[in-house]
Amino acid sequence: MNIVILPSWFRMKSNIISGSFFLEQAIAMAKLGHKVTIINAQIIPTRTYLKYERDIGIKHYEESGIEIYEYKTGAFCTGRSATITTKWYEKKVERILK
């Protein structure tokens, strides 16, 4: 079975264990014979982004048999609006899927 995980948060350079639950679950499912992919579109607080993250764009790599696609960016234009944040997230996930 193909399984896609869209984590609500995932690791960052400033906090490497953040979201480790999602990766651990993906590894457990992969051991059962499933093909697991993690798609992480993440808005990072501006201060954290400028200090630690600086990697922009789509990244693709494999870890422990899990394909991971990441799209991280700073929260420069999302602000506190849930509508803007949701639209941003949808667009980033669509870009990864293309």
C-alpha atoms as a PDB file:
ATOM      1  CA  MET A   1       0.000   0.000   0.000  1.00  0.00           C
ATOM      2  CA  ASN A   2       1.180   3.550  -0.716  1.00  0.00           C
ATOM      3  CA  ILE A   3       0.922   5.874   2.279  1.00  0.00           C
ATOM      4  CA  VAL A   4       1.465   9.638   2.304  1.00  0.00           C
ATOM      5  CA  ILE A   5       2.001  11.454   5.586  1.00  0.00           C
ATOM      6  CA  LEU A   6       1.364  15.211   5.816  1.00  0.00           C
ATOM      7  CA  PRO A   7       2.826  16.061   9.240  1.00  0.00           C
ATOM      8  CA  SER A   8       1.534  19.045  11.169  1.00  0.00           C
ATOM      9  CA  TRP A   9       5.166  19.775  12.084  1.00  0.00           C
ATOM     10  CA  PHE A  10       8.486  18.202  11.257  1.00  0.00           C
ATOM     11  CA  ARG A  11      12.129  18.577  12.191  1.00  0.00           C
ATOM     12  CA  MET A  12      14.121  21.726  11.633  1.00  0.00           C
ATOM     13  CA  LYS A  13      17.805  22.525  11.987  1.00  0.00           C
ATOM     14  CA  SER A  14      16.992  24.409  15.171  1.00  0.00           C
ATOM     15  CA  ASN A  15      15.064  21.405  16.615  1.00  0.00           C
ATOM     16  CA  ILE A  16      16.123  18.107  15.063  1.00  0.00           C
ATOM     17  CA  ILE A  17      13.733  15.956  17.164  1.00  0.00           C
ATOM     18  CA  SER A  18      10.638  17.987  16.322  1.00  0.00           C
ATOM     19  CA  GLY A  19       8.093  15.750  14.617  1.00  0.00           C
ATOM     20  CA  SER A  20      10.140  12.591  15.185  1.00  0.00           C
ATOM     21  CA  PHE A  21       6.862  10.747  15.846  1.00  0.00           C
ATOM     22  CA  PHE A  22       5.880  11.072  12.178  1.00  0.00           C
ATOM     23  CA  LEU A  23       9.188   9.632  10.970  1.00  0.00           C
ATOM     24  CA  GLU A  24       9.077   6.794  13.517  1.00  0.00           C
ATOM     25  CA  GLN A  25       5.540   5.874  12.406  1.00  0.00           C
ATOM     26  CA  ALA A  26       6.585   5.991   8.748  1.00  0.00           C
ATOM     27  CA  ILE A  27       9.532   3.671   9.440  1.00  0.00           C
ATOM     28  CA  ALA A  28       7.256   1.238  11.307  1.00  0.00           C
ATOM     29  CA  MET A  29       4.799   1.172   8.370  1.00  0.00           C
ATOM     30  CA  ALA A  30       7.656   0.697   5.881  1.00  0.00           C
ATOM     31  CA  LYS A  31       8.876  -2.318   7.874  1.00  0.00           C
ATOM     32  CA  LEU A  32       5.428  -3.835   7.321  1.00  0.00           C
ATOM     33  CA  GLY A  33       5.997  -3.570   3.570  1.00  0.00           C
ATOM     34  CA  HIS A  34       4.232  -0.296   2.778  1.00  0.00           C
ATOM     35  CA  LYS A  35       5.712   2.437   0.570  1.00  0.00           C
ATOM     36  CA  VAL A  36       5.670   5.556   2.746  1.00  0.00           C
ATOM     37  CA  THR A  37       6.276   9.150   1.682  1.00  0.00           C
ATOM     38  CA  ILE A  38       6.377  12.218   3.942  1.00  0.00           C
ATOM     39  CA  ILE A  39       5.391  15.567   2.434  1.00  0.00           C
ATOM     40  CA  ASN A  40       6.384  18.454   4.688  1.00  0.00           C
ATOM     41  CA  ALA A  41       5.304  21.967   3.685  1.00  0.00           C
ATOM     42  CA  GLN A  42       6.303  24.089   6.633  1.00  0.00           C
ATOM     43  CA  ILE A  43       6.008  27.747   7.545  1.00  0.00           C
ATOM     44  CA  ILE A  44       8.868  28.624   9.866  1.00  0.00           C
ATOM     45  CA  PRO A  45       8.702  31.646  12.178  1.00  0.00           C
ATOM     46  CA  THR A  46      10.659  34.473  10.578  1.00  0.00           C
ATOM     47  CA  ARG A  47      13.211  34.775  13.382  1.00  0.00           C
ATOM     48  CA  THR A  48      13.972  31.023  13.319  1.00  0.00           C
ATOM     49  CA  TYR A  49      14.096  31.025   9.528  1.00  0.00           C
ATOM     50  CA  LEU A  50      16.613  33.873   9.384  1.00  0.00           C
ATOM     51  CA  LYS A  51      18.798  32.427  12.140  1.00  0.00           C
ATOM     52  CA  TYR A  52      18.859  28.698  11.288  1.00  0.00           C
ATOM     53  CA  GLU A  53      16.905  27.474   8.312  1.00  0.00           C
ATOM     54  CA  ARG A  54      17.953  29.477   5.242  1.00  0.00           C
ATOM     55  CA  ASP A  55      17.320  26.452   2.958  1.00  0.00           C
ATOM     56  CA  ILE A  56      14.575  27.374   0.541  1.00  0.00           C
ATOM     57  CA  GLY A  57      12.800  25.463  -2.161  1.00  0.00           C
ATOM     58  CA  ILE A  58      11.862  21.822  -2.499  1.00  0.00           C
ATOM     59  CA  LYS A  59      14.176  19.213  -1.048  1.00  0.00           C
ATOM     60  CA  HIS A  60      13.872  15.496  -1.769  1.00  0.00           C
ATOM     61  CA  TYR A  61      15.789  12.814   0.079  1.00  0.00           C
ATOM     62  CA  GLU A  62      15.410   9.327   1.473  1.00  0.00           C
ATOM     63  CA  GLU A  63      15.928   8.325   5.080  1.00  0.00           C
ATOM     64  CA  SER A  64      15.528   4.797   6.463  1.00  0.00           C
ATOM     65  CA  GLY A  65      13.608   3.777   3.348  1.00  0.00           C
ATOM     66  CA  ILE A  66      11.200   6.725   3.595  1.00  0.00           C
ATOM     67  CA  GLU A  67      10.959   9.282   0.787  1.00  0.00           C
ATOM     68  CA  ILE A  68      10.797  12.782   2.234  1.00  0.00           C
ATOM     69  CA  TYR A  69       9.790  15.913   0.324  1.00  0.00           C
ATOM     70  CA  GLU A  70      10.198  19.227   2.136  1.00  0.00           C
ATOM     71  CA  TYR A  71       9.248  22.767   1.258  1.00  0.00           C
ATOM     72  CA  LYS A  72      10.217  25.216   3.981  1.00  0.00           C
ATOM     73  CA  THR A  73       9.941  28.961   3.932  1.00  0.00           C
ATOM     74  CA  GLY A  74       9.773  31.845   6.371  1.00  0.00           C
ATOM     75  CA  ALA A  75       6.480  33.273   7.555  1.00  0.00           C
ATOM     76  CA  PHE A  76       7.112  36.588   5.819  1.00  0.00           C
ATOM     77  CA  CYS A  77       3.678  37.093   4.302  1.00  0.00           C
ATOM     78  CA  THR A  78       1.339  34.716   6.117  1.00  0.00           C
ATOM     79  CA  GLY A  79       0.866  36.706   9.284  1.00  0.00           C
ATOM     80  CA  ARG A  80      -1.865  35.596  11.641  1.00  0.00           C
ATOM     81  CA  SER A  81      -4.548  34.989   9.053  1.00  0.00           C
ATOM     82  CA  ALA A  82      -5.664  31.354   9.031  1.00  0.00           C
ATOM     83  CA  THR A  83      -7.039  31.748   5.495  1.00  0.00           C
ATOM     84  CA  ILE A  84      -3.736  33.019   4.087  1.00  0.00           C
ATOM     85  CA  THR A  85      -1.780  30.337   5.940  1.00  0.00           C
ATOM     86  CA  THR A  86      -4.087  27.573   4.684  1.00  0.00           C
ATOM     87  CA  LYS A  87      -3.869  28.790   1.080  1.00  0.00           C
ATOM     88  CA  TRP A  88      -0.090  29.008   1.360  1.00  0.00           C
ATOM     89  CA  TYR A  89       0.083  25.430   2.676  1.00  0.00           C
ATOM     90  CA  GLU A  90      -2.153  24.124  -0.122  1.00  0.00           C
ATOM     91  CA  LYS A  91       0.016  25.789  -2.797  1.00  0.00           C
ATOM     92  CA  LYS A  92       3.250  24.391  -1.336  1.00  0.00           C
ATOM     93  CA  VAL A  93       1.851  20.857  -1.168  1.00  0.00           C
ATOM     94  CA  GLU A  94       0.615  21.169  -4.770  1.00  0.00           C
ATOM     95  CA  ARG A  95       4.123  22.243  -5.864  1.00  0.00           C
ATOM     96  CA  ILE A  96       5.664  19.247  -4.142  1.00  0.00           C
ATOM     97  CA  LEU A  97       3.169  16.888  -5.757  1.00  0.00           C
ATOM     98  CA  LYS A  98       3.905  18.265  -9.237  1.00  0.00           C
END
